[in-house]
Amino acid sequence: MLKRRRFKQSKTLHERLADEAARLREEAQALAPGRRREMLLRRARQDETAIQIESWLHSSGLRAPT
């Protein structure tokens, strides 16, 4: 049986998503309008949405259903 490789992340999920979103937006700005640029911008928006969801999930106002 294969053993799973594990490692500790040096950055939080929020930081990794923010870094990737910024990198994707920079890469998209360098491209001419087209399919590749739209794909990069879409992935950047998905990362930003994931940041918002992650923040919401970790907020103190969130409670378990009763």
PDB file of N, CA and C in Angstrom:
ATOM      1  N   MET A   1       0.837  -1.170   0.000  1.00  0.00           N
ATOM      2  CA  MET A   1       0.000   0.000   0.000  1.00  0.00           C
ATOM      3  C   MET A   1       0.892   1.247   0.000  1.00  0.00           C
ATOM      4  N   LEU A   2       0.506   2.215  -0.787  1.00  0.00           N
ATOM      5  CA  LEU A   2       1.263   3.457  -0.862  1.00  0.00           C
ATOM      6  C   LEU A   2       1.008   4.323   0.359  1.00  0.00           C
ATOM      7  N   LYS A   3       2.050   4.964   0.830  1.00  0.00           N
ATOM      8  CA  LYS A   3       1.922   5.857   1.963  1.00  0.00           C
ATOM      9  C   LYS A   3       1.771   7.284   1.456  1.00  0.00           C
ATOM     10  N   ARG A   4       0.831   8.005   2.051  1.00  0.00           N
ATOM     11  CA  ARG A   4       0.573   9.370   1.638  1.00  0.00           C
ATOM     12  C   ARG A   4       1.682  10.308   2.100  1.00  0.00           C
ATOM     13  N   ARG A   5       2.120  11.162   1.210  1.00  0.00           N
ATOM     14  CA  ARG A   5       3.144  12.143   1.561  1.00  0.00           C
ATOM     15  C   ARG A   5       2.450  13.355   2.173  1.00  0.00           C
ATOM     16  N   ARG A   6       2.892  13.762   3.318  1.00  0.00           N
ATOM     17  CA  ARG A   6       2.296  14.908   4.006  1.00  0.00           C
ATOM     18  C   ARG A   6       3.347  15.972   4.258  1.00  0.00           C
ATOM     19  N   PHE A   7       2.915  17.202   4.234  1.00  0.00           N
ATOM     20  CA  PHE A   7       3.825  18.296   4.546  1.00  0.00           C
ATOM     21  C   PHE A   7       3.030  19.449   5.138  1.00  0.00           C
ATOM     22  N   LYS A   8       3.694  20.251   5.936  1.00  0.00           N
ATOM     23  CA  LYS A   8       3.070  21.413   6.566  1.00  0.00           C
ATOM     24  C   LYS A   8       3.115  22.586   5.594  1.00  0.00           C
ATOM     25  N   GLN A   9       2.013  23.308   5.526  1.00  0.00           N
ATOM     26  CA  GLN A   9       1.968  24.501   4.692  1.00  0.00           C
ATOM     27  C   GLN A   9       2.647  25.645   5.436  1.00  0.00           C
ATOM     28  N   SER A  10       3.444  26.418   4.729  1.00  0.00           N
ATOM     29  CA  SER A  10       4.129  27.542   5.365  1.00  0.00           C
ATOM     30  C   SER A  10       3.247  28.788   5.380  1.00  0.00           C
ATOM     31  N   LYS A  11       2.236  28.828   4.521  1.00  0.00           N
ATOM     32  CA  LYS A  11       1.300  29.952   4.471  1.00  0.00           C
ATOM     33  C   LYS A  11      -0.107  29.441   4.740  1.00  0.00           C
ATOM     34  N   THR A  12      -0.972  30.335   5.194  1.00  0.00           N
ATOM     35  CA  THR A  12      -2.357  29.956   5.420  1.00  0.00           C
ATOM     36  C   THR A  12      -3.070  29.813   4.072  1.00  0.00           C
ATOM     37  N   LEU A  13      -4.229  29.179   4.106  1.00  0.00           N
ATOM     38  CA  LEU A  13      -5.023  29.024   2.886  1.00  0.00           C
ATOM     39  C   LEU A  13      -5.375  30.394   2.317  1.00  0.00           C
ATOM     40  N   HIS A  14      -5.749  31.313   3.179  1.00  0.00           N
ATOM     41  CA  HIS A  14      -6.096  32.670   2.752  1.00  0.00           C
ATOM     42  C   HIS A  14      -4.937  33.319   2.000  1.00  0.00           C
ATOM     43  N   GLU A  15      -3.736  33.200   2.534  1.00  0.00           N
ATOM     44  CA  GLU A  15      -2.553  33.796   1.894  1.00  0.00           C
ATOM     45  C   GLU A  15      -2.253  33.129   0.551  1.00  0.00           C
ATOM     46  N   ARG A  16      -2.350  31.808   0.499  1.00  0.00           N
ATOM     47  CA  ARG A  16      -2.078  31.102  -0.759  1.00  0.00           C
ATOM     48  C   ARG A  16      -3.083  31.473  -1.833  1.00  0.00           C
ATOM     49  N   LEU A  17      -4.368  31.568  -1.466  1.00  0.00           N
ATOM     50  CA  LEU A  17      -5.391  31.944  -2.437  1.00  0.00           C
ATOM     51  C   LEU A  17      -5.208  33.382  -2.912  1.00  0.00           C
ATOM     52  N   ALA A  18      -4.891  34.281  -1.994  1.00  0.00           N
ATOM     53  CA  ALA A  18      -4.683  35.683  -2.360  1.00  0.00           C
ATOM     54  C   ALA A  18      -3.473  35.835  -3.283  1.00  0.00           C
ATOM     55  N   ASP A  19      -2.406  35.123  -2.976  1.00  0.00           N
ATOM     56  CA  ASP A  19      -1.204  35.172  -3.827  1.00  0.00           C
ATOM     57  C   ASP A  19      -1.504  34.657  -5.232  1.00  0.00           C
ATOM     58  N   GLU A  20      -2.230  33.544  -5.299  1.00  0.00           N
ATOM     59  CA  GLU A  20      -2.543  32.980  -6.613  1.00  0.00           C
ATOM     60  C   GLU A  20      -3.457  33.908  -7.402  1.00  0.00           C
ATOM     61  N   ALA A  21      -4.459  34.500  -6.743  1.00  0.00           N
ATOM     62  CA  ALA A  21      -5.371  35.422  -7.427  1.00  0.00           C
ATOM     63  C   ALA A  21      -4.603  36.624  -7.984  1.00  0.00           C
ATOM     64  N   ALA A  22      -3.691  37.171  -7.194  1.00  0.00           N
ATOM     65  CA  ALA A  22      -2.895  38.314  -7.656  1.00  0.00           C
ATOM     66  C   ALA A  22      -2.007  37.914  -8.834  1.00  0.00           C
ATOM     67  N   ARG A  23      -1.385  36.741  -8.736  1.00  0.00           N
ATOM     68  CA  ARG A  23      -0.518  36.259  -9.820  1.00  0.00           C
ATOM     69  C   ARG A  23      -1.318  36.059 -11.105  1.00  0.00           C
ATOM     70  N   LEU A  24      -2.507  35.479 -10.980  1.00  0.00           N
ATOM     71  CA  LEU A  24      -3.336  35.238 -12.163  1.00  0.00           C
ATOM     72  C   LEU A  24      -3.793  36.545 -12.799  1.00  0.00           C
ATOM     73  N   ARG A  25      -4.151  37.532 -11.977  1.00  0.00           N
ATOM     74  CA  ARG A  25      -4.577  38.828 -12.521  1.00  0.00           C
ATOM     75  C   ARG A  25      -3.424  39.525 -13.246  1.00  0.00           C
ATOM     76  N   GLU A  26      -2.226  39.450 -12.680  1.00  0.00           N
ATOM     77  CA  GLU A  26      -1.055  40.050 -13.333  1.00  0.00           C
ATOM     78  C   GLU A  26      -0.781  39.373 -14.674  1.00  0.00           C
ATOM     79  N   GLU A  27      -0.859  38.039 -14.681  1.00  0.00           N
ATOM     80  CA  GLU A  27      -0.624  37.290 -15.916  1.00  0.00           C
ATOM     81  C   GLU A  27      -1.684  37.632 -16.963  1.00  0.00           C
ATOM     82  N   ALA A  28      -2.930  37.798 -16.523  1.00  0.00           N
ATOM     83  CA  ALA A  28      -4.021  38.118 -17.449  1.00  0.00           C
ATOM     84  C   ALA A  28      -3.850  39.518 -18.042  1.00  0.00           C
ATOM     85  N   GLN A  29      -3.350  40.460 -17.247  1.00  0.00           N
ATOM     86  CA  GLN A  29      -3.160  41.822 -17.752  1.00  0.00           C
ATOM     87  C   GLN A  29      -2.124  41.876 -18.863  1.00  0.00           C
ATOM     88  N   ALA A  30      -1.190  40.950 -18.849  1.00  0.00           N
ATOM     89  CA  ALA A  30      -0.138  40.941 -19.859  1.00  0.00           C
ATOM     90  C   ALA A  30      -0.622  40.353 -21.188  1.00  0.00           C
ATOM     91  N   LEU A  31      -1.780  39.701 -21.171  1.00  0.00           N
ATOM     92  CA  LEU A  31      -2.298  39.059 -22.374  1.00  0.00           C
ATOM     93  C   LEU A  31      -3.303  39.951 -23.098  1.00  0.00           C
ATOM     94  N   ALA A  32      -3.433  39.726 -24.390  1.00  0.00           N
ATOM     95  CA  ALA A  32      -4.457  40.405 -25.175  1.00  0.00           C
ATOM     96  C   ALA A  32      -5.802  39.756 -24.861  1.00  0.00           C
ATOM     97  N   PRO A  33      -6.900  40.484 -25.053  1.00  0.00           N
ATOM     98  CA  PRO A  33      -8.217  39.894 -24.804  1.00  0.00           C
ATOM     99  C   PRO A  33      -8.384  38.603 -25.600  1.00  0.00           C
ATOM    100  N   GLY A  34      -8.914  37.608 -24.930  1.00  0.00           N
ATOM    101  CA  GLY A  34      -9.096  36.316 -25.582  1.00  0.00           C
ATOM    102  C   GLY A  34      -9.462  35.249 -24.573  1.00  0.00           C
ATOM    103  N   ARG A  35      -9.477  34.030 -25.053  1.00  0.00           N
ATOM    104  CA  ARG A  35      -9.906  32.903 -24.238  1.00  0.00           C
ATOM    105  C   ARG A  35      -8.997  32.648 -23.039  1.00  0.00           C
ATOM    106  N   ARG A  36      -7.700  32.683 -23.257  1.00  0.00           N
ATOM    107  CA  ARG A  36      -6.737  32.422 -22.173  1.00  0.00           C
ATOM    108  C   ARG A  36      -6.858  33.476 -21.068  1.00  0.00           C
ATOM    109  N   ARG A  37      -6.987  34.737 -21.475  1.00  0.00           N
ATOM    110  CA  ARG A  37      -7.117  35.825 -20.500  1.00  0.00           C
ATOM    111  C   ARG A  37      -8.394  35.654 -19.675  1.00  0.00           C
ATOM    112  N   GLU A  38      -9.499  35.337 -20.320  1.00  0.00           N
ATOM    113  CA  GLU A  38     -10.759  35.136 -19.615  1.00  0.00           C
ATOM    114  C   GLU A  38     -10.674  33.965 -18.645  1.00  0.00           C
ATOM    115  N   MET A  39      -9.965  32.912 -19.030  1.00  0.00           N
ATOM    116  CA  MET A  39      -9.804  31.765 -18.155  1.00  0.00           C
ATOM    117  C   MET A  39      -9.015  32.150 -16.893  1.00  0.00           C
ATOM    118  N   LEU A  40      -7.954  32.935 -17.072  1.00  0.00           N
ATOM    119  CA  LEU A  40      -7.147  33.370 -15.928  1.00  0.00           C
ATOM    120  C   LEU A  40      -7.944  34.271 -14.991  1.00  0.00           C
ATOM    121  N   LEU A  41      -8.731  35.185 -15.570  1.00  0.00           N
ATOM    122  CA  LEU A  41      -9.545  36.068 -14.739  1.00  0.00           C
ATOM    123  C   LEU A  41     -10.624  35.285 -13.996  1.00  0.00           C
ATOM    124  N   ARG A  42     -11.162  34.268 -14.644  1.00  0.00           N
ATOM    125  CA  ARG A  42     -12.180  33.432 -13.999  1.00  0.00           C
ATOM    126  C   ARG A  42     -11.582  32.683 -12.808  1.00  0.00           C
ATOM    127  N   ARG A  43     -10.383  32.140 -12.990  1.00  0.00           N
ATOM    128  CA  ARG A  43      -9.715  31.439 -11.887  1.00  0.00           C
ATOM    129  C   ARG A  43      -9.388  32.397 -10.749  1.00  0.00           C
ATOM    130  N   ALA A  44      -9.010  33.632 -11.067  1.00  0.00           N
ATOM    131  CA  ALA A  44      -8.728  34.634 -10.031  1.00  0.00           C
ATOM    132  C   ALA A  44     -10.002  34.942  -9.244  1.00  0.00           C
ATOM    133  N   ARG A  45     -11.139  35.094  -9.941  1.00  0.00           N
ATOM    134  CA  ARG A  45     -12.408  35.343  -9.250  1.00  0.00           C
ATOM    135  C   ARG A  45     -12.799  34.151  -8.382  1.00  0.00           C
ATOM    136  N   GLN A  46     -12.535  32.937  -8.844  1.00  0.00           N
ATOM    137  CA  GLN A  46     -12.831  31.751  -8.044  1.00  0.00           C
ATOM    138  C   GLN A  46     -12.000  31.737  -6.770  1.00  0.00           C
ATOM    139  N   ASP A  47     -10.732  32.117  -6.871  1.00  0.00           N
ATOM    140  CA  ASP A  47      -9.871  32.191  -5.681  1.00  0.00           C
ATOM    141  C   ASP A  47     -10.391  33.234  -4.701  1.00  0.00           C
ATOM    142  N   GLU A  48     -10.822  34.389  -5.222  1.00  0.00           N
ATOM    143  CA  GLU A  48     -11.340  35.441  -4.357  1.00  0.00           C
ATOM    144  C   GLU A  48     -12.641  35.011  -3.685  1.00  0.00           C
ATOM    145  N   THR A  49     -13.470  34.264  -4.396  1.00  0.00           N
ATOM    146  CA  THR A  49     -14.697  33.731  -3.806  1.00  0.00           C
ATOM    147  C   THR A  49     -14.361  32.724  -2.717  1.00  0.00           C
ATOM    148  N   ALA A  50     -13.361  31.902  -2.951  1.00  0.00           N
ATOM    149  CA  ALA A  50     -12.935  30.920  -1.949  1.00  0.00           C
ATOM    150  C   ALA A  50     -12.423  31.621  -0.693  1.00  0.00           C
ATOM    151  N   ILE A  51     -11.747  32.763  -0.850  1.00  0.00           N
ATOM    152  CA  ILE A  51     -11.282  33.543   0.297  1.00  0.00           C
ATOM    153  C   ILE A  51     -12.478  34.025   1.113  1.00  0.00           C
ATOM    154  N   GLN A  52     -13.508  34.522   0.434  1.00  0.00           N
ATOM    155  CA  GLN A  52     -14.698  35.005   1.133  1.00  0.00           C
ATOM    156  C   GLN A  52     -15.408  33.869   1.861  1.00  0.00           C
ATOM    157  N   ILE A  53     -15.525  32.707   1.226  1.00  0.00           N
ATOM    158  CA  ILE A  53     -16.179  31.560   1.857  1.00  0.00           C
ATOM    159  C   ILE A  53     -15.380  31.095   3.062  1.00  0.00           C
ATOM    160  N   GLU A  54     -14.058  31.027   2.907  1.00  0.00           N
ATOM    161  CA  GLU A  54     -13.198  30.591   4.010  1.00  0.00           C
ATOM    162  C   GLU A  54     -13.310  31.553   5.185  1.00  0.00           C
ATOM    163  N   SER A  55     -13.369  32.851   4.924  1.00  0.00           N
ATOM    164  CA  SER A  55     -13.533  33.850   5.986  1.00  0.00           C
ATOM    165  C   SER A  55     -14.885  33.690   6.665  1.00  0.00           C
ATOM    166  N   TRP A  56     -15.919  33.445   5.879  1.00  0.00           N
ATOM    167  CA  TRP A  56     -17.260  33.254   6.425  1.00  0.00           C
ATOM    168  C   TRP A  56     -17.308  32.017   7.316  1.00  0.00           C
ATOM    169  N   LEU A  57     -16.686  30.943   6.874  1.00  0.00           N
ATOM    170  CA  LEU A  57     -16.696  29.708   7.654  1.00  0.00           C
ATOM    171  C   LEU A  57     -15.968  29.855   8.985  1.00  0.00           C
ATOM    172  N   HIS A  58     -14.963  30.715   9.033  1.00  0.00           N
ATOM    173  CA  HIS A  58     -14.194  30.910  10.255  1.00  0.00           C
ATOM    174  C   HIS A  58     -14.677  32.093  11.086  1.00  0.00           C
ATOM    175  N   SER A  59     -15.782  32.719  10.683  1.00  0.00           N
ATOM    176  CA  SER A  59     -16.270  33.867  11.438  1.00  0.00           C
ATOM    177  C   SER A  59     -16.904  33.425  12.755  1.00  0.00           C
ATOM    178  N   SER A  60     -16.909  34.312  13.717  1.00  0.00           N
ATOM    179  CA  SER A  60     -17.457  33.976  15.031  1.00  0.00           C
ATOM    180  C   SER A  60     -18.984  33.937  15.014  1.00  0.00           C
ATOM    181  N   GLY A  61     -19.605  34.539  14.012  1.00  0.00           N
ATOM    182  CA  GLY A  61     -21.063  34.561  13.924  1.00  0.00           C
ATOM    183  C   GLY A  61     -21.664  33.261  13.410  1.00  0.00           C
ATOM    184  N   LEU A  62     -20.842  32.398  12.861  1.00  0.00           N
ATOM    185  CA  LEU A  62     -21.344  31.148  12.308  1.00  0.00           C
ATOM    186  C   LEU A  62     -21.595  30.153  13.443  1.00  0.00           C
ATOM    187  N   ARG A  63     -22.789  29.572  13.453  1.00  0.00           N
ATOM    188  CA  ARG A  63     -23.152  28.632  14.509  1.00  0.00           C
ATOM    189  C   ARG A  63     -23.678  27.343  13.919  1.00  0.00           C
ATOM    190  N   ALA A  64     -23.508  26.268  14.646  1.00  0.00           N
ATOM    191  CA  ALA A  64     -24.013  24.973  14.206  1.00  0.00           C
ATOM    192  C   ALA A  64     -25.536  24.965  14.290  1.00  0.00           C
ATOM    193  N   PRO A  65     -26.212  24.259  13.394  1.00  0.00           N
ATOM    194  CA  PRO A  65     -27.675  24.190  13.464  1.00  0.00           C
ATOM    195  C   PRO A  65     -28.117  23.470  14.742  1.00  0.00           C
ATOM    196  N   THR A  66     -29.243  23.906  15.310  1.00  0.00           N
ATOM    197  CA  THR A  66     -29.734  23.289  16.540  1.00  0.00           C
ATOM    198  C   THR A  66     -30.996  22.498  16.305  1.00  0.00           C
TER     199      THR A  66
END
